[in-house]
Amino acid sequence: MFKEFKIFIMRGNVVDLAVGIVIGAAFGAIVNSLVKDVLMPPIGLLLGNVDFGNLFIVLKEGAIGGPYESLLVANSGRCNHKLRGIY
C-alpha cells in the first residue's frame, strides 16, 4: 500500500499542487505587505493623515454609547463594528 501511495505522490500532480500552494502563500504575503506598508501610507497622507488602521463602522452601539473616537474605545464599549481599514 505504501508503494502505491509513493507512486501516486511521485506522479507529479500532488508535487505540483504542493509547490503551487507554497508559492501562492508567499505571493499573498508579499502583496499584503506591499499594500499595507507601501501603498496605504502615501494614500493616507494625501487624504489628510488618514490612519487606515483605525477606520471602522459601528453596526450597533454597545454598553457605552457612541460616538467612538478610536477602535480601542469601540472595543472597550463592546459595540458591534465592521473594520474598514488595514486588518
N, C-alpha and C. Protein backbone atom coordinates (compact mmCIF):
# COMPACT_ATOMS: atom_id res chain seq x y z
N MET A 1 0.82 -1.19 0.00
CA MET A 1 0.00 0.00 0.00
C MET A 1 0.87 1.26 0.00
N PHE A 2 1.95 1.26 0.77
CA PHE A 2 2.84 2.42 0.80
C PHE A 2 3.51 2.63 -0.55
N LYS A 3 3.80 1.53 -1.23
CA LYS A 3 4.44 1.62 -2.54
C LYS A 3 3.51 2.31 -3.55
N GLU A 4 2.22 1.96 -3.51
CA GLU A 4 1.25 2.59 -4.40
C GLU A 4 1.09 4.08 -4.08
N PHE A 5 1.09 4.40 -2.79
CA PHE A 5 0.98 5.80 -2.39
C PHE A 5 2.19 6.59 -2.86
N LYS A 6 3.36 6.02 -2.75
CA LYS A 6 4.59 6.67 -3.20
C LYS A 6 4.54 6.92 -4.72
N ILE A 7 4.04 5.96 -5.47
CA ILE A 7 3.91 6.12 -6.92
C ILE A 7 2.91 7.25 -7.23
N PHE A 8 1.81 7.28 -6.49
CA PHE A 8 0.82 8.34 -6.67
C PHE A 8 1.41 9.72 -6.39
N ILE A 9 2.16 9.82 -5.31
CA ILE A 9 2.77 11.11 -4.94
C ILE A 9 3.78 11.55 -5.98
N MET A 10 4.57 10.64 -6.47
CA MET A 10 5.67 10.99 -7.38
C MET A 10 5.21 11.18 -8.83
N ARG A 11 3.94 10.96 -9.12
CA ARG A 11 3.45 11.17 -10.48
C ARG A 11 3.59 12.62 -10.91
N GLY A 12 3.56 13.52 -9.99
CA GLY A 12 3.77 14.92 -10.32
C GLY A 12 2.62 15.82 -9.97
N ASN A 13 1.41 15.33 -10.03
CA ASN A 13 0.26 16.19 -9.76
C ASN A 13 0.26 16.71 -8.33
N VAL A 14 0.52 15.85 -7.37
CA VAL A 14 0.49 16.25 -5.97
C VAL A 14 1.67 17.17 -5.67
N VAL A 15 2.83 16.87 -6.23
CA VAL A 15 4.00 17.71 -6.01
C VAL A 15 3.77 19.09 -6.62
N ASP A 16 3.21 19.14 -7.81
CA ASP A 16 2.90 20.43 -8.44
C ASP A 16 1.90 21.23 -7.61
N LEU A 17 0.91 20.56 -7.08
CA LEU A 17 -0.07 21.22 -6.24
C LEU A 17 0.57 21.79 -4.99
N ALA A 18 1.43 21.02 -4.34
CA ALA A 18 2.11 21.49 -3.13
C ALA A 18 2.99 22.70 -3.43
N VAL A 19 3.72 22.66 -4.52
CA VAL A 19 4.57 23.80 -4.90
C VAL A 19 3.71 25.02 -5.18
N GLY A 20 2.59 24.84 -5.85
CA GLY A 20 1.69 25.95 -6.14
C GLY A 20 1.12 26.58 -4.88
N ILE A 21 0.78 25.75 -3.90
CA ILE A 21 0.24 26.27 -2.64
C ILE A 21 1.29 27.09 -1.91
N VAL A 22 2.52 26.60 -1.86
CA VAL A 22 3.60 27.32 -1.17
C VAL A 22 3.89 28.64 -1.87
N ILE A 23 3.97 28.63 -3.19
CA ILE A 23 4.24 29.87 -3.93
C ILE A 23 3.07 30.84 -3.78
N GLY A 24 1.84 30.34 -3.80
CA GLY A 24 0.68 31.20 -3.61
C GLY A 24 0.65 31.86 -2.24
N ALA A 25 1.00 31.12 -1.21
CA ALA A 25 1.04 31.69 0.14
C ALA A 25 2.11 32.76 0.25
N ALA A 26 3.27 32.51 -0.33
CA ALA A 26 4.34 33.51 -0.30
C ALA A 26 3.96 34.75 -1.09
N PHE A 27 3.34 34.57 -2.25
CA PHE A 27 2.93 35.70 -3.07
C PHE A 27 1.85 36.52 -2.36
N GLY A 28 0.94 35.85 -1.66
CA GLY A 28 -0.09 36.56 -0.90
C GLY A 28 0.51 37.42 0.20
N ALA A 29 1.52 36.91 0.88
CA ALA A 29 2.19 37.69 1.92
C ALA A 29 2.91 38.90 1.33
N ILE A 30 3.51 38.73 0.17
CA ILE A 30 4.22 39.84 -0.49
C ILE A 30 3.23 40.93 -0.90
N VAL A 31 2.12 40.55 -1.49
CA VAL A 31 1.11 41.53 -1.92
C VAL A 31 0.51 42.24 -0.71
N ASN A 32 0.23 41.50 0.35
CA ASN A 32 -0.32 42.10 1.57
C ASN A 32 0.64 43.13 2.15
N SER A 33 1.91 42.80 2.22
CA SER A 33 2.91 43.73 2.74
C SER A 33 3.05 44.95 1.84
N LEU A 34 3.02 44.75 0.53
CA LEU A 34 3.13 45.86 -0.41
C LEU A 34 1.98 46.85 -0.22
N VAL A 35 0.78 46.35 -0.11
CA VAL A 35 -0.38 47.24 0.05
C VAL A 35 -0.34 47.92 1.41
N LYS A 36 -0.09 47.15 2.47
CA LYS A 36 -0.13 47.68 3.83
C LYS A 36 0.99 48.67 4.11
N ASP A 37 2.20 48.37 3.68
CA ASP A 37 3.36 49.16 4.07
C ASP A 37 3.84 50.15 3.03
N VAL A 38 3.49 49.95 1.75
CA VAL A 38 3.99 50.82 0.70
C VAL A 38 2.89 51.70 0.11
N LEU A 39 1.75 51.13 -0.23
CA LEU A 39 0.70 51.90 -0.90
C LEU A 39 -0.18 52.71 0.04
N MET A 40 -0.60 52.13 1.16
CA MET A 40 -1.57 52.81 2.01
C MET A 40 -1.03 54.04 2.74
N PRO A 41 0.20 54.06 3.25
CA PRO A 41 0.67 55.29 3.93
C PRO A 41 0.67 56.53 3.04
N PRO A 42 1.15 56.49 1.79
CA PRO A 42 1.05 57.71 0.98
C PRO A 42 -0.39 58.11 0.64
N ILE A 43 -1.26 57.12 0.44
CA ILE A 43 -2.66 57.43 0.17
C ILE A 43 -3.29 58.10 1.39
N GLY A 44 -2.99 57.59 2.57
CA GLY A 44 -3.49 58.21 3.80
C GLY A 44 -2.95 59.62 3.98
N LEU A 45 -1.71 59.85 3.61
CA LEU A 45 -1.11 61.18 3.69
C LEU A 45 -1.78 62.14 2.72
N LEU A 46 -2.05 61.68 1.51
CA LEU A 46 -2.72 62.52 0.52
C LEU A 46 -4.15 62.87 0.94
N LEU A 47 -4.80 61.99 1.66
CA LEU A 47 -6.18 62.22 2.09
C LEU A 47 -6.26 63.00 3.40
N GLY A 48 -5.14 63.48 3.89
CA GLY A 48 -5.16 64.28 5.11
C GLY A 48 -4.84 63.50 6.36
N ASN A 49 -3.76 62.75 6.36
CA ASN A 49 -3.30 61.96 7.51
C ASN A 49 -4.36 60.98 8.02
N VAL A 50 -4.98 60.26 7.12
CA VAL A 50 -5.96 59.24 7.49
C VAL A 50 -5.21 58.01 7.97
N ASP A 51 -5.58 57.50 9.15
CA ASP A 51 -5.00 56.28 9.70
C ASP A 51 -5.94 55.13 9.35
N PHE A 52 -5.60 54.36 8.32
CA PHE A 52 -6.48 53.29 7.87
C PHE A 52 -6.61 52.16 8.88
N GLY A 53 -5.68 52.06 9.80
CA GLY A 53 -5.75 51.03 10.83
C GLY A 53 -6.81 51.31 11.88
N ASN A 54 -7.34 52.54 11.90
CA ASN A 54 -8.29 52.94 12.92
C ASN A 54 -9.67 53.24 12.33
N LEU A 55 -9.94 52.80 11.11
CA LEU A 55 -11.24 53.03 10.49
C LEU A 55 -12.19 51.87 10.79
N PHE A 56 -13.41 52.20 11.16
CA PHE A 56 -14.41 51.17 11.43
C PHE A 56 -15.79 51.79 11.27
N ILE A 57 -16.80 50.95 11.11
CA ILE A 57 -18.19 51.37 11.02
C ILE A 57 -18.95 50.71 12.17
N VAL A 58 -19.67 51.50 12.94
CA VAL A 58 -20.44 50.96 14.06
C VAL A 58 -21.74 50.37 13.52
N LEU A 59 -21.95 49.09 13.77
CA LEU A 59 -23.17 48.42 13.36
C LEU A 59 -24.25 48.53 14.43
N LYS A 60 -23.83 48.41 15.70
CA LYS A 60 -24.75 48.54 16.83
C LYS A 60 -23.96 49.03 18.02
N GLU A 61 -24.46 50.08 18.68
CA GLU A 61 -23.76 50.62 19.83
C GLU A 61 -23.76 49.61 20.96
N GLY A 62 -22.71 49.66 21.76
CA GLY A 62 -22.56 48.73 22.86
C GLY A 62 -23.05 49.31 24.17
N ALA A 63 -22.49 48.80 25.28
CA ALA A 63 -22.88 49.24 26.61
C ALA A 63 -22.55 50.71 26.82
N ILE A 64 -21.42 51.15 26.29
CA ILE A 64 -21.05 52.56 26.34
C ILE A 64 -21.46 53.16 25.00
N GLY A 65 -22.29 54.19 25.05
CA GLY A 65 -22.80 54.80 23.83
C GLY A 65 -21.72 55.51 23.04
N GLY A 66 -21.98 55.70 21.75
CA GLY A 66 -21.03 56.36 20.87
C GLY A 66 -21.16 57.86 20.95
N PRO A 67 -20.47 58.63 20.19
CA PRO A 67 -19.53 58.21 19.14
C PRO A 67 -18.22 57.71 19.73
N TYR A 68 -17.59 56.82 19.03
CA TYR A 68 -16.33 56.21 19.47
C TYR A 68 -15.19 56.87 18.71
N GLU A 69 -14.21 57.40 19.45
CA GLU A 69 -13.10 58.12 18.83
C GLU A 69 -12.12 57.19 18.14
N SER A 70 -11.97 55.99 18.66
CA SER A 70 -10.98 55.06 18.10
C SER A 70 -11.51 53.64 18.19
N LEU A 71 -10.80 52.74 17.53
CA LEU A 71 -11.16 51.33 17.56
C LEU A 71 -11.01 50.76 18.96
N LEU A 72 -10.02 51.23 19.70
CA LEU A 72 -9.81 50.76 21.07
C LEU A 72 -11.00 51.12 21.95
N VAL A 73 -11.51 52.33 21.83
CA VAL A 73 -12.67 52.75 22.62
C VAL A 73 -13.91 51.96 22.20
N ALA A 74 -14.06 51.71 20.91
CA ALA A 74 -15.21 50.92 20.43
C ALA A 74 -15.15 49.50 20.97
N ASN A 75 -13.96 48.91 21.00
CA ASN A 75 -13.82 47.56 21.54
C ASN A 75 -14.10 47.53 23.03
N SER A 76 -13.65 48.55 23.76
CA SER A 76 -13.90 48.57 25.20
C SER A 76 -15.37 48.83 25.51
N GLY A 77 -16.08 49.50 24.59
CA GLY A 77 -17.51 49.74 24.77
C GLY A 77 -18.38 48.58 24.32
N ARG A 78 -17.76 47.53 23.83
CA ARG A 78 -18.43 46.30 23.37
C ARG A 78 -19.47 46.58 22.28
N CYS A 79 -19.14 47.46 21.35
CA CYS A 79 -20.08 47.70 20.26
C CYS A 79 -19.79 46.71 19.13
N ASN A 80 -20.79 46.46 18.32
CA ASN A 80 -20.61 45.63 17.12
C ASN A 80 -20.15 46.55 16.01
N HIS A 81 -19.03 46.22 15.40
CA HIS A 81 -18.48 47.08 14.36
C HIS A 81 -17.87 46.24 13.25
N LYS A 82 -17.69 46.89 12.13
CA LYS A 82 -17.04 46.26 10.98
C LYS A 82 -15.78 47.05 10.69
N LEU A 83 -14.66 46.36 10.63
CA LEU A 83 -13.39 47.03 10.34
C LEU A 83 -13.36 47.45 8.88
N ARG A 84 -12.86 48.63 8.61
CA ARG A 84 -12.77 49.13 7.26
C ARG A 84 -11.34 49.42 6.85
N GLY A 85 -10.42 49.44 7.78
CA GLY A 85 -9.05 49.80 7.46
C GLY A 85 -8.18 48.58 7.25
N ILE A 86 -6.93 48.71 7.63
CA ILE A 86 -5.98 47.62 7.50
C ILE A 86 -6.19 46.65 8.64
N TYR A 87 -6.46 45.40 8.33
CA TYR A 87 -6.66 44.39 9.36
C TYR A 87 -6.17 43.06 8.89
